[in-house]
N, C-alpha and C. Protein backbone atom coordinates (compact mmCIF):
# COMPACT_ATOMS: atom_id res chain seq x y z
N MET A 1 -8.51 12.56 14.31
CA MET A 1 -7.79 11.36 14.69
C MET A 1 -7.32 11.49 16.13
N CYS A 2 -7.16 10.36 16.75
CA CYS A 2 -6.67 10.39 18.12
C CYS A 2 -5.15 10.25 18.13
N ASP A 3 -4.57 10.52 19.27
CA ASP A 3 -3.13 10.35 19.43
C ASP A 3 -2.89 8.96 19.99
N ALA A 4 -2.44 8.04 19.16
CA ALA A 4 -2.24 6.66 19.58
C ALA A 4 -0.85 6.43 20.15
N GLY A 5 -0.09 7.46 20.41
CA GLY A 5 1.22 7.31 21.04
C GLY A 5 2.37 7.53 20.08
N GLN A 6 2.76 6.49 19.40
CA GLN A 6 3.93 6.56 18.52
C GLN A 6 3.61 7.31 17.24
N PRO A 7 4.51 8.19 16.80
CA PRO A 7 4.30 8.85 15.51
C PRO A 7 4.57 7.87 14.38
N PHE A 8 3.90 8.08 13.26
CA PHE A 8 4.18 7.22 12.11
C PHE A 8 5.40 7.76 11.37
N PRO A 9 6.10 6.90 10.61
CA PRO A 9 7.30 7.32 9.90
C PRO A 9 7.00 8.32 8.79
N ASN A 10 7.96 9.16 8.48
CA ASN A 10 7.82 10.11 7.39
C ASN A 10 8.27 9.41 6.10
N LYS A 11 7.44 8.47 5.66
CA LYS A 11 7.75 7.65 4.49
C LYS A 11 6.50 7.45 3.65
N ALA A 12 6.72 7.05 2.42
CA ALA A 12 5.62 6.68 1.53
C ALA A 12 5.85 5.24 1.09
N ILE A 13 4.77 4.54 0.79
CA ILE A 13 4.83 3.14 0.40
C ILE A 13 4.05 2.95 -0.89
N GLY A 14 4.59 2.12 -1.78
CA GLY A 14 3.87 1.75 -3.00
C GLY A 14 2.86 0.64 -2.69
N TRP A 15 1.67 0.74 -3.23
CA TRP A 15 0.61 -0.23 -3.01
C TRP A 15 0.09 -0.73 -4.35
N CYS A 16 -0.36 -1.97 -4.39
CA CYS A 16 -1.02 -2.47 -5.59
C CYS A 16 -2.09 -3.49 -5.19
N ASN A 17 -3.02 -3.68 -6.08
CA ASN A 17 -4.12 -4.62 -5.87
C ASN A 17 -3.60 -6.03 -6.07
N VAL A 18 -4.03 -6.95 -5.22
CA VAL A 18 -3.56 -8.33 -5.31
C VAL A 18 -3.95 -8.96 -6.64
N LYS A 19 -5.05 -8.51 -7.24
CA LYS A 19 -5.45 -9.03 -8.56
C LYS A 19 -4.43 -8.66 -9.62
N ASP A 20 -3.84 -7.47 -9.50
CA ASP A 20 -2.79 -7.06 -10.44
C ASP A 20 -1.53 -7.92 -10.27
N VAL A 21 -1.23 -8.30 -9.04
CA VAL A 21 -0.08 -9.17 -8.77
C VAL A 21 -0.30 -10.54 -9.40
N VAL A 22 -1.51 -11.08 -9.26
CA VAL A 22 -1.85 -12.37 -9.86
C VAL A 22 -1.71 -12.29 -11.37
N GLU A 23 -2.25 -11.24 -11.98
CA GLU A 23 -2.17 -11.08 -13.43
C GLU A 23 -0.72 -10.98 -13.89
N ALA A 24 0.11 -10.28 -13.14
CA ALA A 24 1.52 -10.14 -13.50
C ALA A 24 2.23 -11.50 -13.45
N HIS A 25 1.91 -12.31 -12.45
CA HIS A 25 2.51 -13.64 -12.36
C HIS A 25 2.09 -14.52 -13.53
N ILE A 26 0.82 -14.45 -13.88
CA ILE A 26 0.33 -15.24 -15.02
C ILE A 26 1.02 -14.79 -16.30
N ASN A 27 1.11 -13.48 -16.50
CA ASN A 27 1.77 -12.96 -17.70
C ASN A 27 3.24 -13.36 -17.75
N ALA A 28 3.92 -13.31 -16.62
CA ALA A 28 5.33 -13.69 -16.58
C ALA A 28 5.50 -15.17 -16.94
N TYR A 29 4.55 -15.99 -16.59
CA TYR A 29 4.60 -17.42 -16.90
C TYR A 29 4.25 -17.68 -18.36
N GLU A 30 3.24 -16.98 -18.89
CA GLU A 30 2.72 -17.27 -20.23
C GLU A 30 3.46 -16.57 -21.36
N ILE A 31 4.08 -15.42 -21.10
CA ILE A 31 4.76 -14.66 -22.16
C ILE A 31 6.22 -15.09 -22.20
N ALA A 32 6.59 -15.72 -23.30
CA ALA A 32 7.92 -16.31 -23.43
C ALA A 32 9.04 -15.26 -23.31
N SER A 33 8.80 -14.06 -23.77
CA SER A 33 9.84 -13.03 -23.75
C SER A 33 10.01 -12.37 -22.37
N ALA A 34 9.14 -12.69 -21.44
CA ALA A 34 9.24 -12.09 -20.10
C ALA A 34 10.47 -12.64 -19.39
N SER A 35 11.26 -11.73 -18.85
CA SER A 35 12.44 -12.14 -18.08
C SER A 35 12.83 -11.02 -17.14
N GLY A 36 13.64 -11.33 -16.17
CA GLY A 36 14.10 -10.31 -15.23
C GLY A 36 13.09 -10.07 -14.13
N ARG A 37 13.17 -8.88 -13.56
CA ARG A 37 12.31 -8.50 -12.44
C ARG A 37 11.33 -7.42 -12.87
N TYR A 38 10.19 -7.41 -12.22
CA TYR A 38 9.16 -6.42 -12.49
C TYR A 38 8.72 -5.79 -11.17
N LEU A 39 8.37 -4.54 -11.23
CA LEU A 39 7.91 -3.82 -10.04
C LEU A 39 6.48 -3.35 -10.29
N LEU A 40 5.60 -3.65 -9.36
CA LEU A 40 4.20 -3.23 -9.48
C LEU A 40 3.89 -2.20 -8.41
N ALA A 41 3.24 -1.12 -8.80
CA ALA A 41 2.75 -0.13 -7.85
C ALA A 41 1.57 0.59 -8.48
N GLU A 42 0.41 0.43 -7.87
CA GLU A 42 -0.80 1.11 -8.35
C GLU A 42 -0.79 2.57 -7.93
N ARG A 43 -0.31 2.80 -6.72
CA ARG A 43 -0.24 4.16 -6.19
C ARG A 43 0.79 4.21 -5.08
N VAL A 44 1.19 5.41 -4.75
CA VAL A 44 2.11 5.64 -3.65
C VAL A 44 1.37 6.49 -2.62
N ALA A 45 1.42 6.07 -1.36
CA ALA A 45 0.70 6.79 -0.31
C ALA A 45 1.63 7.01 0.89
N HIS A 46 1.58 8.20 1.44
CA HIS A 46 2.34 8.54 2.64
C HIS A 46 1.63 7.93 3.85
N TYR A 47 2.39 7.62 4.88
CA TYR A 47 1.81 7.06 6.10
C TYR A 47 0.67 7.92 6.64
N SER A 48 0.77 9.24 6.53
CA SER A 48 -0.30 10.11 7.03
C SER A 48 -1.60 9.89 6.25
N GLU A 49 -1.48 9.62 4.95
CA GLU A 49 -2.67 9.33 4.15
C GLU A 49 -3.28 7.99 4.57
N LEU A 50 -2.45 7.01 4.82
CA LEU A 50 -2.95 5.71 5.28
C LEU A 50 -3.64 5.84 6.63
N ALA A 51 -3.06 6.63 7.53
CA ALA A 51 -3.67 6.85 8.84
C ALA A 51 -5.04 7.51 8.69
N SER A 52 -5.14 8.47 7.79
CA SER A 52 -6.41 9.15 7.55
C SER A 52 -7.46 8.19 6.99
N ILE A 53 -7.05 7.34 6.06
CA ILE A 53 -7.98 6.36 5.48
C ILE A 53 -8.46 5.39 6.55
N LEU A 54 -7.53 4.90 7.37
CA LEU A 54 -7.91 3.98 8.44
C LEU A 54 -8.88 4.64 9.42
N TYR A 55 -8.60 5.89 9.78
CA TYR A 55 -9.47 6.59 10.71
C TYR A 55 -10.87 6.78 10.12
N ASP A 56 -10.94 7.12 8.83
CA ASP A 56 -12.24 7.30 8.18
C ASP A 56 -13.03 6.00 8.13
N MET A 57 -12.32 4.89 7.90
CA MET A 57 -12.99 3.59 7.79
C MET A 57 -13.37 3.02 9.16
N TYR A 58 -12.52 3.28 10.16
CA TYR A 58 -12.70 2.71 11.49
C TYR A 58 -12.52 3.80 12.54
N PRO A 59 -13.54 4.65 12.75
CA PRO A 59 -13.41 5.78 13.67
C PRO A 59 -13.10 5.38 15.11
N SER A 60 -13.45 4.18 15.52
CA SER A 60 -13.17 3.76 16.90
C SER A 60 -11.73 3.25 17.07
N LEU A 61 -11.03 3.03 15.96
CA LEU A 61 -9.65 2.56 16.01
C LEU A 61 -8.73 3.71 16.44
N LYS A 62 -7.81 3.42 17.32
CA LYS A 62 -6.86 4.44 17.77
C LYS A 62 -5.77 4.58 16.73
N VAL A 63 -5.82 5.65 15.96
CA VAL A 63 -4.86 5.91 14.87
C VAL A 63 -4.08 7.17 15.22
N SER A 64 -2.77 7.09 15.09
CA SER A 64 -1.92 8.23 15.39
C SER A 64 -2.20 9.40 14.45
N ASN A 65 -2.09 10.61 14.97
CA ASN A 65 -2.21 11.80 14.11
C ASN A 65 -0.90 12.55 14.08
N LYS A 66 0.18 11.91 14.48
CA LYS A 66 1.50 12.55 14.53
C LYS A 66 2.26 12.27 13.25
């Protein structure tokens, strides 16, 4: 990876597929007992993992390695 200047944060983010979000909305609407709030997360990835994925997919993209 190249050094794109700014370091990425030392954080992790939850990710989910948009199709899962759509399905959750449909279920919340159709299931009478559904109430309250729901949290969706397919996986959790650290910023360094995301930077690595981006670099692998787009080698010409300037992605930080810090």
